[in-house]
């Protein structure tokens, strides 16, 4: 997980300054300048759950800082979960770790959490 204080360094003209990658396997998810910065408070399941957790009792954390992607085809590499309450959660397509954000079915927008990815050109 990334520290929130570093987020401002990743924003340039309200977009992602560098490429966005998976924090576990370094898979390339999103090109620089393709995501628009937005703030909203959304409860997203924790990346690590207890083994005996059921879908209705998942532990969550409130995330606030996101890259908004208006077209899912903008991603270089991303995976989608099953639908839960009108959302699909985003995961790394290579290592399947996540969720790293969510896809809102009603608006067809995707939101990639800054706290759950790394920002690096290589």
Protein backbone atom coordinates (compact mmCIF):
# COMPACT_ATOMS: atom_id res chain seq x y z
CA UNK A 1 0.00 0.00 0.00
CA UNK A 2 1.22 3.48 -0.82
CA UNK A 3 1.36 6.50 1.48
CA UNK A 4 -1.20 9.20 0.66
CA UNK A 5 1.35 12.00 1.06
CA UNK A 6 3.13 10.80 -2.10
CA UNK A 7 0.04 11.04 -4.29
CA UNK A 8 0.53 14.70 -5.17
CA UNK A 9 3.86 13.79 -6.79
CA UNK A 10 2.02 11.46 -9.17
CA UNK A 11 -0.40 14.09 -10.52
CA UNK A 12 0.43 16.34 -13.49
CA UNK A 13 -2.28 18.53 -15.03
CA UNK A 14 -4.86 16.42 -13.17
CA UNK A 15 -3.60 13.18 -14.84
CA UNK A 16 -1.21 10.36 -13.95
CA UNK A 17 2.33 11.65 -14.48
CA UNK A 18 3.87 8.21 -15.09
CA UNK A 19 2.78 4.73 -16.10
CA UNK A 20 0.76 2.75 -13.58
CA UNK A 21 1.86 -0.79 -12.65
CA UNK A 22 0.90 -3.65 -10.35
CA UNK A 23 2.67 -3.35 -7.00
CA UNK A 24 3.21 -7.13 -6.86
CA UNK A 25 4.34 -8.23 -10.33
CA UNK A 26 5.06 -4.86 -12.02
CA UNK A 27 2.55 -5.60 -14.80
CA UNK A 28 1.88 -2.52 -16.97
CA UNK A 29 -1.73 -1.42 -16.33
CA UNK A 30 -2.14 2.15 -17.59
CA UNK A 31 -0.08 4.55 -19.72
CA UNK A 32 0.97 7.95 -18.37
CA UNK A 33 -1.62 10.74 -18.77
CA UNK A 34 -4.49 8.27 -19.45
CA UNK A 35 -6.15 8.50 -16.01
CA UNK A 36 -7.85 11.61 -14.62
CA UNK A 37 -7.41 12.25 -10.89
CA UNK A 38 -10.58 12.23 -8.79
CA UNK A 39 -11.48 11.98 -5.13
CA UNK A 40 -14.41 10.01 -3.73
CA UNK A 41 -14.85 7.79 -0.71
CA UNK A 42 -15.57 4.17 -1.62
CA UNK A 43 -15.31 1.02 0.48
CA UNK A 44 -13.19 -1.54 -1.36
CA UNK A 45 -12.40 -5.05 -0.10
CA UNK A 46 -8.95 -5.48 1.44
CA UNK A 47 -6.39 -7.15 -0.80
CA UNK A 48 -5.81 -9.86 1.84
CA UNK A 49 -8.81 -11.49 3.50
CA UNK A 50 -9.10 -14.19 6.14
CA UNK A 51 -9.41 -17.60 4.49
CA UNK A 52 -12.84 -18.29 5.98
CA UNK A 53 -14.34 -14.93 4.85
CA UNK A 54 -17.61 -15.10 2.96
CA UNK A 55 -18.56 -12.58 0.24
CA UNK A 56 -21.12 -10.86 2.48
CA UNK A 57 -18.61 -10.37 5.32
CA UNK A 58 -15.49 -9.16 3.50
CA UNK A 59 -13.24 -6.73 5.32
CA UNK A 60 -13.04 -3.40 3.50
CA UNK A 61 -11.12 -0.16 3.63
CA UNK A 62 -12.27 3.27 2.52
CA UNK A 63 -10.24 4.56 -0.40
CA UNK A 64 -10.31 8.18 -1.52
CA UNK A 65 -7.79 8.82 -4.35
CA UNK A 66 -8.41 7.35 -7.80
CA UNK A 67 -7.47 7.57 -11.45
CA UNK A 68 -10.72 7.78 -13.41
CA UNK A 69 -10.67 5.95 -16.73
CA UNK A 70 -13.71 6.62 -18.91
CA UNK A 71 -13.21 3.70 -21.34
CA UNK A 72 -12.14 0.26 -20.11
CA UNK A 73 -10.26 -0.28 -23.39
CA UNK A 74 -7.77 2.43 -22.27
CA UNK A 75 -6.08 -0.06 -19.93
CA UNK A 76 -2.99 -1.89 -21.10
CA UNK A 77 -3.67 -4.84 -18.81
CA UNK A 78 -6.47 -5.26 -16.25
CA UNK A 79 -8.82 -7.98 -15.03
CA UNK A 80 -12.41 -7.79 -13.77
CA UNK A 81 -14.19 -9.67 -10.98
CA UNK A 82 -17.77 -10.89 -10.91
CA UNK A 83 -20.43 -8.20 -10.40
CA UNK A 84 -21.07 -7.19 -6.78
CA UNK A 85 -23.71 -4.51 -6.06
CA UNK A 86 -23.44 -2.89 -9.51
CA UNK A 87 -19.63 -2.93 -9.55
CA UNK A 88 -16.88 -5.14 -10.86
CA UNK A 89 -13.61 -4.97 -8.97
CA UNK A 90 -10.38 -4.47 -10.91
CA UNK A 91 -7.46 -6.87 -10.46
CA UNK A 92 -4.06 -7.32 -12.07
CA UNK A 93 -4.57 -9.42 -15.20
CA UNK A 94 -1.18 -11.13 -14.75
CA UNK A 95 -0.98 -12.05 -11.05
CA UNK A 96 -4.71 -11.60 -10.27
CA UNK A 97 -3.97 -9.64 -7.08
CA UNK A 98 -6.42 -6.98 -6.05
CA UNK A 99 -8.78 -5.37 -6.00
CA UNK A 100 -6.86 -2.35 -7.28
CA UNK A 101 -10.03 -0.41 -8.04
CA UNK A 102 -13.50 -0.88 -9.46
CA UNK A 103 -15.64 -0.57 -12.60
CA UNK A 104 -18.99 1.20 -12.09
CA UNK A 105 -21.50 -0.58 -14.34
CA UNK A 106 -24.02 2.29 -14.44
CA UNK A 107 -21.50 4.85 -15.78
CA UNK A 108 -19.07 2.38 -17.42
CA UNK A 109 -16.19 4.27 -15.77
CA UNK A 110 -13.27 2.59 -14.06
CA UNK A 111 -11.52 3.88 -10.95
CA UNK A 112 -7.97 2.74 -10.17
CA UNK A 113 -6.92 3.36 -6.54
CA UNK A 114 -3.62 5.26 -6.25
CA UNK A 115 -2.93 3.52 -2.95
CA UNK A 116 -3.01 0.05 -4.52
CA UNK A 117 -0.69 0.53 -7.51
CA UNK A 118 2.81 1.83 -8.19
CA UNK A 119 3.76 4.66 -10.50
CA UNK A 120 6.84 3.92 -12.56
CA UNK A 121 7.84 4.08 -16.20
CA UNK A 122 9.74 0.79 -15.95
